[in-house]
Protein backbone atom coordinates (compact mmCIF):
# COMPACT_ATOMS: atom_id res chain seq x y z
CA MET A 1 131.61 -38.28 100.27
CA ILE A 2 128.43 -37.52 98.33
CA PRO A 3 125.54 -39.50 99.92
CA HIS A 4 122.50 -41.36 98.64
CA GLU A 5 124.02 -43.60 96.00
CA THR A 6 121.68 -45.44 93.65
CA THR A 7 122.58 -47.51 90.62
CA GLY A 8 120.86 -46.27 87.46
CA GLU A 9 119.60 -48.36 84.59
CA ARG A 10 121.73 -48.20 81.45
CA THR A 11 118.73 -48.09 79.12
CA GLY A 12 116.10 -45.37 78.99
CA LEU A 13 112.60 -45.88 80.35
CA THR A 14 109.45 -44.69 78.68
CA ALA A 15 106.98 -42.48 80.48
CA ALA A 16 104.55 -45.38 80.64
CA SER A 17 107.05 -47.74 82.25
CA ALA A 18 107.94 -45.10 84.84
CA ALA A 19 104.35 -44.28 85.73
CA SER A 20 104.37 -46.25 88.95
CA GLY A 21 106.21 -44.98 92.01
CA GLY A 22 106.15 -42.28 94.62
CA VAL A 23 107.44 -39.24 92.72
CA ARG A 24 104.62 -37.02 91.47
CA PHE A 25 105.44 -33.83 89.55
CA GLY A 26 101.90 -33.21 88.33
CA PHE A 27 103.18 -32.02 84.96
CA ASP A 28 100.87 -29.68 83.05
CA ASN A 29 102.73 -29.18 79.78
CA THR A 30 102.01 -26.46 77.23
CA TYR A 31 105.26 -25.99 75.29
CA ALA A 32 105.15 -29.62 74.19
CA GLN A 33 101.81 -28.86 72.51
CA LEU A 34 103.40 -26.31 70.17
CA PRO A 35 104.34 -27.37 66.61
CA GLU A 36 107.11 -29.93 66.31
CA ARG A 37 109.53 -27.43 64.73
CA PHE A 38 109.78 -25.66 68.10
CA TYR A 39 111.78 -28.53 69.61
CA SER A 40 113.15 -32.01 69.22
CA ARG A 41 111.57 -34.72 71.34
CA GLU A 42 114.51 -36.17 73.26
CA ASP A 43 114.73 -38.45 76.28
CA PRO A 44 117.64 -37.81 78.67
CA THR A 45 120.60 -40.17 78.32
CA PRO A 46 121.01 -42.46 81.36
CA VAL A 47 124.15 -42.27 83.50
CA ALA A 48 126.19 -44.93 85.25
CA ARG A 49 125.94 -44.35 89.01
CA PRO A 50 123.76 -41.37 89.97
CA ARG A 51 124.13 -39.99 93.48
CA LEU A 52 122.20 -37.15 95.01
CA ALA A 53 124.37 -34.15 95.83
CA LYS A 54 121.56 -31.82 96.94
CA VAL A 55 117.79 -31.40 96.81
CA ASN A 56 116.41 -27.92 97.37
CA ALA A 57 113.70 -28.75 99.91
CA GLU A 58 112.47 -25.14 100.19
CA LEU A 59 112.00 -24.81 96.43
CA ALA A 60 110.45 -28.27 96.19
CA GLY A 61 107.83 -27.24 98.75
CA ALA A 62 107.07 -24.04 96.84
CA LEU A 63 106.45 -26.13 93.74
CA GLY A 64 104.21 -28.57 95.59
CA LEU A 65 106.77 -31.37 95.29
CA ASP A 66 107.85 -33.87 97.93
CA ALA A 67 111.55 -33.34 98.68
CA ALA A 68 111.83 -36.74 100.36
CA ALA A 69 110.42 -38.45 97.28
CA LEU A 70 112.89 -36.58 95.08
CA ALA A 71 115.70 -37.90 97.30
CA SER A 72 114.46 -41.49 96.95
CA GLU A 73 115.95 -44.01 94.53
CA GLU A 74 113.17 -43.32 92.06
CA GLY A 75 113.54 -39.56 92.44
CA ILE A 76 117.29 -39.66 91.90
CA ALA A 77 116.80 -41.77 88.78
CA ILE A 78 114.45 -39.10 87.39
CA LEU A 79 116.77 -36.23 88.33
CA ALA A 80 119.70 -38.03 86.70
CA GLY A 81 117.81 -38.73 83.49
CA ASN A 82 117.69 -42.50 84.02
CA ARG A 83 113.92 -42.58 84.31
CA VAL A 84 111.15 -40.53 82.73
CA ALA A 85 108.62 -39.32 85.26
CA GLU A 86 104.90 -39.78 84.85
CA GLY A 87 103.47 -36.98 82.70
CA SER A 88 106.89 -35.85 81.48
CA GLU A 89 107.31 -35.10 77.75
CA PRO A 90 111.07 -34.61 77.43
CA LEU A 91 112.22 -32.27 74.67
CA ALA A 92 115.11 -30.06 73.64
CA GLU A 93 114.05 -26.53 72.70
CA ALA A 94 115.12 -24.92 69.43
CA TYR A 95 116.65 -21.45 69.40
CA ALA A 96 119.30 -19.35 67.70
CA GLY A 97 121.44 -16.57 69.13
CA HIS A 98 124.04 -13.87 68.79
CA GLN A 99 127.12 -15.14 70.61
CA PHE A 100 129.65 -12.38 71.27
CA GLY A 101 127.94 -10.40 68.51
CA HIS A 102 128.03 -13.17 65.88
CA PHE A 103 124.77 -14.76 64.78
CA VAL A 104 124.41 -18.54 64.95
CA PRO A 105 121.11 -19.54 63.29
CA ARG A 106 120.75 -22.90 65.04
CA LEU A 107 121.76 -23.46 68.65
CA GLY A 108 119.10 -25.11 70.80
CA ASP A 109 119.37 -27.23 73.93
CA GLY A 110 122.51 -29.19 73.18
CA ARG A 111 122.77 -30.65 76.68
CA ALA A 112 119.39 -30.09 78.26
CA ASN A 113 115.95 -31.65 78.36
CA LEU A 114 112.78 -29.83 79.32
CA LEU A 115 110.93 -32.48 81.33
CA GLY A 116 107.71 -30.51 81.54
CA GLU A 117 105.92 -27.76 83.42
CA VAL A 118 104.44 -27.61 86.90
CA VAL A 119 102.13 -25.08 88.49
CA GLY A 120 103.56 -23.92 91.81
CA CYS A 121 101.72 -23.25 95.03
CA ASN A 122 101.59 -19.57 94.01
CA GLY A 123 99.66 -20.45 90.85
CA ALA A 124 102.57 -19.60 88.53
CA ARG A 125 103.83 -21.97 85.85
CA TYR A 126 107.44 -23.22 85.89
CA ASP A 127 109.65 -25.28 83.60
CA ILE A 128 111.51 -28.26 85.04
CA GLN A 129 114.65 -28.84 82.98
CA LEU A 130 117.60 -31.20 83.27
CA LYS A 131 120.93 -29.62 82.32
CA GLY A 132 123.82 -31.93 81.43
CA SER A 133 121.45 -34.77 80.56
CA GLY A 134 123.08 -35.92 77.33
CA ARG A 135 123.31 -35.24 73.62
CA THR A 136 120.37 -33.94 71.61
CA ALA A 137 119.72 -33.01 67.99
CA PHE A 138 121.22 -29.58 68.85
CA SER A 139 124.50 -30.78 70.39
CA ARG A 140 126.69 -29.77 67.42
CA GLY A 141 129.48 -32.14 68.40
CA GLY A 142 129.31 -31.48 72.13
CA ASP A 143 129.13 -34.29 74.67
CA GLY A 144 125.81 -33.13 76.14
CA ARG A 145 127.15 -33.40 79.66
CA ALA A 146 128.03 -31.08 82.54
CA ALA A 147 130.80 -31.24 85.13
CA VAL A 148 130.13 -31.14 88.85
CA GLY A 149 131.94 -27.82 89.33
CA PRO A 150 129.77 -25.72 86.98
CA VAL A 151 126.64 -27.49 88.23
CA LEU A 152 127.38 -26.60 91.84
CA ARG A 153 128.37 -23.07 90.79
CA GLU A 154 124.95 -22.58 89.20
CA TYR A 155 123.30 -24.02 92.32
CA LEU A 156 125.16 -21.61 94.61
CA VAL A 157 124.87 -18.47 92.53
CA SER A 158 121.27 -18.92 91.37
CA GLU A 159 120.09 -19.57 94.93
CA ALA A 160 122.11 -16.59 96.17
CA MET A 161 120.48 -14.38 93.56
CA ALA A 162 117.04 -15.59 94.62
CA ALA A 163 117.83 -14.75 98.25
CA LEU A 164 119.05 -11.32 97.14
CA GLY A 165 115.69 -10.69 95.50
CA VAL A 166 116.87 -10.84 91.87
CA PRO A 167 114.61 -12.55 89.30
CA THR A 168 116.40 -15.78 88.45
CA THR A 169 116.13 -19.38 87.45
CA ARG A 170 116.62 -21.63 90.43
CA THR A 171 118.04 -25.06 91.17
CA LEU A 172 115.85 -27.88 92.38
CA ALA A 173 118.58 -30.53 92.60
CA ALA A 174 122.08 -31.58 91.65
CA VAL A 175 123.01 -35.21 90.98
CA THR A 176 126.45 -36.62 90.25
CA THR A 177 126.64 -39.21 87.47
CA GLY A 178 129.49 -41.55 88.36
CA GLU A 179 131.01 -40.73 84.97
CA LEU A 180 133.80 -38.43 83.82
CA VAL A 181 133.44 -35.63 81.31
CA MET A 182 136.39 -34.35 79.31
CA ARG A 183 137.18 -30.66 79.64
CA GLU A 184 140.74 -29.34 80.02
CA THR A 185 141.14 -32.37 82.30
CA PRO A 186 138.72 -35.20 83.13
CA GLN A 187 136.05 -33.94 85.52
CA PRO A 188 133.34 -35.77 87.49
CA GLY A 189 129.99 -35.37 85.77
CA ALA A 190 126.72 -34.05 87.16
CA VAL A 191 123.17 -33.13 86.14
CA LEU A 192 121.41 -30.00 87.37
CA THR A 193 117.64 -29.66 87.65
CA ARG A 194 116.76 -26.09 86.72
CA VAL A 195 113.47 -24.33 87.44
CA ALA A 196 112.52 -21.35 85.28
CA ALA A 197 109.47 -19.24 84.57
CA SER A 198 110.20 -20.50 81.05
CA HIS A 199 113.18 -21.06 78.80
CA LEU A 200 112.01 -18.64 76.10
CA ARG A 201 114.90 -16.46 74.98
CA VAL A 202 115.56 -13.61 72.58
CA GLY A 203 117.31 -16.31 70.56
CA THR A 204 114.06 -18.30 70.33
CA PHE A 205 112.50 -15.42 68.38
CA GLU A 206 115.65 -15.06 66.29
CA TYR A 207 115.39 -18.74 65.33
CA PHE A 208 112.05 -18.27 63.60
CA ALA A 209 112.86 -14.83 62.23
CA ALA A 210 116.02 -16.17 60.55
CA ARG A 211 113.88 -18.80 58.81
CA ARG A 212 111.30 -16.20 57.75
CA ASP A 213 108.79 -18.38 59.57
CA VAL A 214 106.15 -15.75 60.32
CA ASP A 215 103.62 -18.35 61.40
CA GLY A 216 106.17 -19.63 63.90
CA LEU A 217 106.78 -16.09 65.15
CA HIS A 218 103.05 -15.61 65.61
CA THR A 219 102.74 -18.82 67.57
CA LEU A 220 105.78 -18.05 69.72
CA ALA A 221 104.77 -14.47 70.45
CA ASP A 222 101.20 -15.48 71.32
CA TYR A 223 102.59 -18.17 73.63
CA ALA A 224 104.96 -15.70 75.32
CA ILE A 225 102.13 -13.22 75.83
CA ALA A 226 99.82 -15.83 77.31
CA ARG A 227 102.51 -17.17 79.61
CA HIS A 228 104.35 -14.02 80.67
CA TYR A 229 102.57 -10.86 79.52
CA PRO A 230 98.79 -11.39 79.60
CA GLU A 231 98.42 -7.65 80.16
CA ALA A 232 99.80 -7.17 76.61
CA GLU A 233 96.63 -8.59 75.05
CA SER A 234 95.46 -5.57 73.09
CA GLU A 235 94.99 -4.30 69.58
CA LYS A 236 98.77 -3.96 69.28
CA LYS A 237 99.84 -6.84 71.47
CA TYR A 238 103.21 -7.51 69.81
CA GLY A 239 104.40 -3.98 70.42
CA ALA A 240 103.18 -4.35 74.00
CA LEU A 241 105.12 -7.62 74.30
CA LEU A 242 108.31 -5.90 73.15
CA LYS A 243 107.84 -3.07 75.64
CA GLY A 244 107.14 -5.57 78.41
CA VAL A 245 110.36 -7.49 77.78
CA ILE A 246 112.33 -4.24 77.57
CA GLY A 247 110.95 -3.09 80.91
CA ARG A 248 111.77 -6.33 82.69
CA GLN A 249 115.27 -6.52 81.24
CA GLY A 250 115.95 -2.93 82.25
CA ARG A 251 114.94 -3.64 85.85
CA LEU A 252 116.89 -6.92 85.90
CA VAL A 253 120.18 -5.44 84.71
CA ALA A 254 119.77 -2.55 87.16
CA GLN A 255 119.58 -5.14 89.96
CA TRP A 256 122.74 -6.82 88.67
CA MET A 257 124.52 -3.49 88.75
CA MET A 258 123.37 -2.83 92.32
CA LEU A 259 125.10 -6.03 93.44
CA GLY A 260 128.30 -5.91 91.39
CA PHE A 261 127.15 -9.01 89.50
CA ILE A 262 128.76 -9.82 86.15
CA HIS A 263 126.83 -12.32 84.03
CA GLY A 264 129.83 -13.01 81.85
CA VAL A 265 128.09 -14.26 78.70
CA MET A 266 125.18 -11.99 77.78
CA ASN A 267 124.46 -13.60 74.43
CA THR A 268 120.93 -13.29 73.04
CA ASP A 269 120.35 -16.98 73.72
CA ASN A 270 121.05 -16.19 77.38
CA THR A 271 118.56 -13.31 77.49
CA SER A 272 115.28 -14.53 78.96
CA ILE A 273 111.92 -13.24 77.72
CA SER A 274 110.54 -13.60 81.25
CA GLY A 275 113.12 -11.18 82.68
CA GLU A 276 114.97 -13.77 84.76
CA THR A 277 118.71 -14.22 85.10
CA ILE A 278 119.52 -17.42 83.21
CA ASP A 279 122.62 -19.49 82.39
CA TYR A 280 125.19 -19.05 85.15
CA GLY A 281 128.36 -19.92 83.26
CA PRO A 282 131.43 -17.73 83.85
CA CYS A 283 129.48 -15.42 86.16
CA ALA A 284 131.15 -13.66 89.08
CA PHE A 285 130.73 -10.89 91.64
CA MET A 286 133.04 -7.90 91.49
CA GLU A 287 135.06 -7.08 94.60
CA ALA A 288 137.26 -4.00 93.96
CA TYR A 289 135.03 -1.57 92.09
CA ASP A 290 136.05 -1.14 88.45
CA PRO A 291 133.50 -0.84 85.61
CA ALA A 292 135.93 -2.62 83.25
CA THR A 293 135.97 -5.78 85.38
CA VAL A 294 135.78 -9.03 83.40
CA PHE A 295 136.13 -12.55 84.78
CA SER A 296 135.04 -14.76 81.90
CA ALA A 297 138.00 -16.53 80.32
CA ILE A 298 136.23 -16.46 76.93
CA ASP A 299 135.49 -12.71 76.97
CA GLN A 300 138.87 -11.59 75.69
CA GLN A 301 137.66 -8.19 74.46
CA GLY A 302 135.61 -7.26 77.53
CA ARG A 303 132.34 -7.17 75.61
CA TYR A 304 130.43 -8.28 78.70
CA ALA A 305 132.38 -6.32 81.31
CA TYR A 306 130.45 -5.09 84.35
CA GLY A 307 130.03 -1.54 83.05
CA ASN A 308 128.94 -2.70 79.58
CA GLN A 309 125.97 -4.74 80.77
CA PRO A 310 123.27 -2.07 80.28
CA ARG A 311 124.51 -1.31 76.76
CA ILE A 312 124.62 -5.00 75.84
CA ALA A 313 121.13 -5.55 77.23
CA LEU A 314 119.84 -2.85 74.86
CA TRP A 315 121.81 -4.42 71.99
CA ASN A 316 120.16 -7.77 72.69
CA LEU A 317 116.72 -6.19 72.92
CA THR A 318 117.32 -4.53 69.56
CA ARG A 319 117.80 -8.02 68.11
CA LEU A 320 114.43 -8.98 69.63
CA ALA A 321 112.82 -5.93 68.03
CA GLU A 322 114.29 -6.93 64.66
CA ALA A 323 112.89 -10.44 65.02
CA LEU A 324 109.44 -9.06 65.82
CA LEU A 325 109.34 -6.65 62.88
CA PRO A 326 107.12 -8.90 60.71
CA LEU A 327 104.51 -8.91 63.49
CA LEU A 328 104.86 -5.18 64.13
CA LEU A 329 104.40 -4.61 60.38
CA GLU A 330 101.05 -6.40 60.53
CA GLU A 331 99.97 -4.31 63.52
CA GLU A 332 101.18 -0.96 62.26
CA GLY A 333 100.28 -1.32 58.59
CA SER A 334 103.52 -0.03 57.08
CA GLU A 335 107.24 -0.68 57.30
CA ARG A 336 107.93 2.87 58.47
CA ALA A 337 105.32 2.66 61.23
CA ALA A 338 106.68 -0.73 62.33
CA LEU A 339 110.22 0.65 62.54
CA ASP A 340 108.99 3.67 64.45
CA ALA A 341 107.13 1.43 66.91
CA ALA A 342 110.28 -0.66 67.47
CA LYS A 343 112.45 2.44 67.92
CA ASP A 344 109.93 3.95 70.32
CA ALA A 345 109.94 0.79 72.44
CA LEU A 346 113.74 0.56 72.45
CA GLY A 347 113.99 4.25 73.26
CA GLY A 348 112.26 3.54 76.54
CA PHE A 349 115.01 1.21 77.77
CA ALA A 350 117.33 3.93 79.06
CA ASP A 351 114.61 5.59 81.12
CA ARG A 352 113.41 2.29 82.57
CA TYR A 353 116.90 1.12 83.39
CA GLU A 354 117.94 4.43 84.90
CA ALA A 355 114.75 4.72 86.95
CA ALA A 356 115.33 1.23 88.38
CA ARG A 357 119.01 1.94 88.97
CA MET A 358 118.39 5.22 90.79
CA ALA A 359 115.64 3.64 92.89
CA GLY A 360 118.13 0.97 93.89
CA LEU A 361 120.88 3.46 94.63
CA ARG A 362 118.59 5.59 96.79
CA CYS A 363 117.74 2.51 98.85
CA LYS A 364 121.42 1.64 99.18
CA LEU A 365 122.21 5.20 100.30
CA GLY A 366 119.31 5.49 102.75
CA LEU A 367 117.28 7.94 100.66
CA ARG A 368 113.53 7.47 100.56
CA THR A 369 112.67 10.58 98.59
CA GLU A 370 113.89 11.90 95.24
CA ARG A 371 115.97 15.07 95.08
CA GLU A 372 117.90 16.79 92.34
CA GLY A 373 121.56 15.92 92.75
CA ASP A 374 121.03 12.34 93.96
CA ALA A 375 122.54 10.91 90.79
CA ASP A 376 125.64 13.12 91.14
CA LEU A 377 126.01 12.05 94.78
CA ALA A 378 125.95 8.39 93.78
CA GLU A 379 128.31 8.83 90.83
CA ASP A 380 130.82 10.69 92.98
CA LEU A 381 130.80 7.76 95.40
CA PHE A 382 131.51 5.37 92.53
CA GLU A 383 134.42 7.55 91.41
CA LEU A 384 135.86 7.40 94.93
CA MET A 385 135.39 3.64 95.02
CA ALA A 386 137.15 3.22 91.68
CA ALA A 387 140.06 5.48 92.68
CA ASN A 388 140.59 3.55 95.92
CA LYS A 389 139.71 0.06 94.64
CA ALA A 390 137.11 -0.16 97.39
CA ASP A 391 135.25 -3.44 97.74
CA PHE A 392 131.80 -2.91 96.21
CA THR A 393 129.79 -4.93 98.72
CA LEU A 394 131.71 -3.86 101.83
CA ALA A 395 131.59 -0.18 100.88
CA PHE A 396 127.81 -0.10 100.75
CA ARG A 397 127.34 -2.33 103.78
CA ARG A 398 129.64 -0.16 105.89
CA LEU A 399 127.69 2.92 104.87
CA CYS A 400 124.85 1.44 106.95
CA ASP A 401 126.93 2.11 110.07
CA ALA A 402 128.17 5.42 108.71
CA ALA A 403 124.53 6.51 108.50
CA VAL A 404 124.54 6.64 112.31
CA GLY A 405 127.96 8.27 112.60
CA GLN A 406 130.13 5.12 112.79
CA ASP A 407 132.54 6.02 110.00
CA THR A 408 135.70 4.13 110.91
CA GLU A 409 135.22 0.96 108.88
CA ALA A 410 133.74 2.70 105.84
CA ARG A 411 136.48 5.34 105.85
CA ALA A 412 139.17 2.66 105.94
CA LEU A 413 138.16 1.49 102.45
CA PHE A 414 139.06 4.87 100.92
CA GLY A 415 142.81 5.34 101.33
CA ASP A 416 143.60 8.27 103.61
CA GLY A 417 139.88 8.92 103.97
CA VAL A 418 140.02 12.59 102.94
CA GLY A 419 137.93 12.06 99.83
CA PHE A 420 135.44 9.97 101.75
CA ASP A 421 135.11 12.62 104.46
CA ALA A 422 134.18 15.27 101.89
CA TRP A 423 131.68 12.98 100.19
CA ALA A 424 130.19 11.81 103.51
CA ALA A 425 129.61 15.44 104.57
CA ARG A 426 127.49 15.99 101.45
CA TRP A 427 125.69 12.69 102.00
CA ARG A 428 124.79 13.55 105.59
CA LEU A 429 123.38 16.89 104.54
CA ARG A 430 121.22 15.01 102.08
CA LEU A 431 120.16 12.52 104.78
CA GLU A 432 118.95 15.40 106.94
CA GLU A 433 116.25 16.01 104.33
CA GLU A 434 114.88 12.49 104.87
CA PRO A 435 112.13 11.50 107.33
CA GLY A 436 112.82 9.16 110.22
CA SER A 437 115.75 8.65 112.54
CA GLY A 438 119.27 7.62 111.65
CA GLU A 439 118.69 4.17 113.12
CA GLU A 440 115.60 3.71 110.96
CA ARG A 441 117.58 4.69 107.87
CA ALA A 442 120.42 2.36 108.79
CA ALA A 443 117.97 -0.52 109.29
CA ALA A 444 116.43 0.12 105.87
CA MET A 445 119.87 0.29 104.29
CA ARG A 446 120.79 -3.09 105.77
CA LYS A 447 117.87 -4.58 103.83
CA ALA A 448 119.29 -3.19 100.58
CA ASN A 449 123.01 -3.81 101.11
CA PRO A 450 123.97 -7.46 101.62
CA VAL A 451 126.64 -8.72 103.97
CA PHE A 452 127.17 -11.88 101.95
CA ILE A 453 127.53 -12.47 98.24
CA PRO A 454 129.00 -15.54 96.48
CA ARG A 455 132.56 -14.27 96.62
CA ASN A 456 134.54 -15.91 93.88
CA HIS A 457 137.30 -17.40 96.02
CA LEU A 458 134.77 -18.98 98.37
CA VAL A 459 132.81 -20.44 95.46
CA GLU A 460 135.97 -21.83 93.90
CA ALA A 461 137.08 -23.37 97.21
CA ALA A 462 133.70 -25.09 97.62
CA LEU A 463 133.81 -26.41 94.05
CA LYS A 464 137.37 -27.65 94.45
CA ALA A 465 136.48 -29.58 97.61
CA ALA A 466 133.48 -31.18 95.90
CA THR A 467 135.31 -31.97 92.67
CA GLU A 468 138.62 -33.21 94.03
CA LYS A 469 137.56 -34.78 97.33
CA GLY A 470 133.83 -35.43 97.01
CA ASP A 471 133.47 -33.16 100.05
CA LEU A 472 130.24 -31.15 100.00
CA GLY A 473 130.80 -29.59 103.44
CA PRO A 474 132.14 -26.25 102.12
CA PHE A 475 129.34 -26.13 99.51
CA GLU A 476 126.67 -26.72 102.16
CA GLU A 477 128.12 -24.13 104.53
CA LEU A 478 128.41 -21.49 101.81
CA LEU A 479 124.88 -22.24 100.63
CA ASP A 480 123.61 -21.74 104.18
CA VAL A 481 125.36 -18.36 104.43
CA LEU A 482 124.05 -17.18 101.07
CA ALA A 483 120.47 -18.08 101.99
CA ARG A 484 120.41 -15.12 104.45
CA PRO A 485 122.50 -12.48 102.71
CA PHE A 486 121.33 -9.44 104.69
CA GLU A 487 121.84 -10.84 108.20
CA ASP A 488 124.95 -10.10 110.23
CA ARG A 489 126.42 -13.41 111.38
CA PRO A 490 129.53 -12.97 113.54
CA ASP A 491 130.27 -16.71 113.33
CA ARG A 492 130.49 -16.42 109.53
CA GLU A 493 132.50 -13.22 109.27
CA ARG A 494 135.08 -14.68 106.90
CA TYR A 495 132.38 -15.12 104.26
CA ALA A 496 131.88 -11.34 104.22
CA LEU A 497 135.51 -10.48 103.52
CA PRO A 498 137.14 -10.03 100.10
CA ALA A 499 139.80 -12.42 98.93
CA ARG A 500 143.35 -12.07 100.15
CA PRO A 501 145.86 -11.53 97.31
CA GLU A 502 146.74 -15.22 97.18
CA GLU A 503 143.03 -16.19 97.07
CA ARG A 504 141.93 -13.91 94.24
CA VAL A 505 140.14 -15.47 91.29
CA SER A 506 140.92 -13.66 88.06
CA GLN A 507 139.11 -15.93 85.59
CA THR A 508 135.95 -18.01 85.55
CA PHE A 509 134.95 -20.63 83.01
CA CYS A 510 131.77 -21.67 81.25
CA GLY A 511 132.09 -25.42 81.81
CA THR A 512 130.98 -26.56 78.34
């Protein structure tokens, strides 16, 4: 059963009444100082019987927080939304967004509260947000709550992405509520504590642009520059901001592609200005390589399929450029010059994405230097993988052994192996042009090609155990495996294997 039960108050507490106690976040809030139209001041809604499911002690330490205090009765009450911590200024952020290509002018945090900001031990600023903490002014008829399954999914996948080196929001804690939420069936409720560089989205800019609120756009863009792109401070800082976001998004999506990760719901309100992966709803990791792979139950047309992700990222960034046009017009002096500046910035996406993608592929293939023909070599491998339905993660990991002549396991993923043999001969000729020994190359490749990813059937099994039995054992064990994704662990070999036919997960769900 889930440990650390504490009974929560049924009425909200003010920040002043919660000021005493042992939990100290040291909030240093800046977003709450922006004009009131940027958010709605909202306290979280208390829950019945909060219990701690998990505190991320490693992340807490990096933020300068006391994990033991967070696991105390007072800490759990704060993480559940039953108490407002000292210095917290809870609010729900306003934003709009294109959802599956259709613009919704008013979305906002319909089930989340930004508690405030902390400055981590590295000197960087982070948002602390509760997700599933009750209705807000932006709820639009929703219940404002989250179910334990999606909360634990976000915990697992976001922490796995962090361990894999992908920019991402992270999870500080998960708390169950002692209440049920209605989805297809009644589900136990939970609240997730999310940590992000910020929660600014492309949709945040669209919100003000749709209202022709140029002053709001100025304020938002200046805030984004100060918080995320101080190097953009220049005579044409808004164009520099746009280019900065484009560069980070290009690198981010390239990293997704290198791991077989499918976000599942790449709406503009899920596209972070900071360049982090955000909002782990119907996300999944591809096993058998197929660019058309879709898992999200709501993506009926395959808009956000694995192979479409770079194109959709550019589409989303084009919406950002449109929102920024009033500011670019001021900088450039004419509508034509503003449009040209936006097009120039967007035109750089393909090069930035492809440069990041090829750098990643060279690392995965053991290539330190650039040579003409590297892209063709990689694409031919992908064609072989697609034709043979080779497991994406296993194929690249087994190439690490093939780099030192141990071909058996890699070859077995490619049918009769004839196509692989021909490709591998070309690859080895290319490897001969590289410095260092085969063992050195294999060691470097093992740092780029994970053994462990959050395989969908393992995630679903962990969520089922937690939801139906209150058993967090499978969740904890999977979380431990995913924390060291590049290490061979013979005692955890089953976590490295793809699903058997009867275990395969064909659809994932958002949880709202």
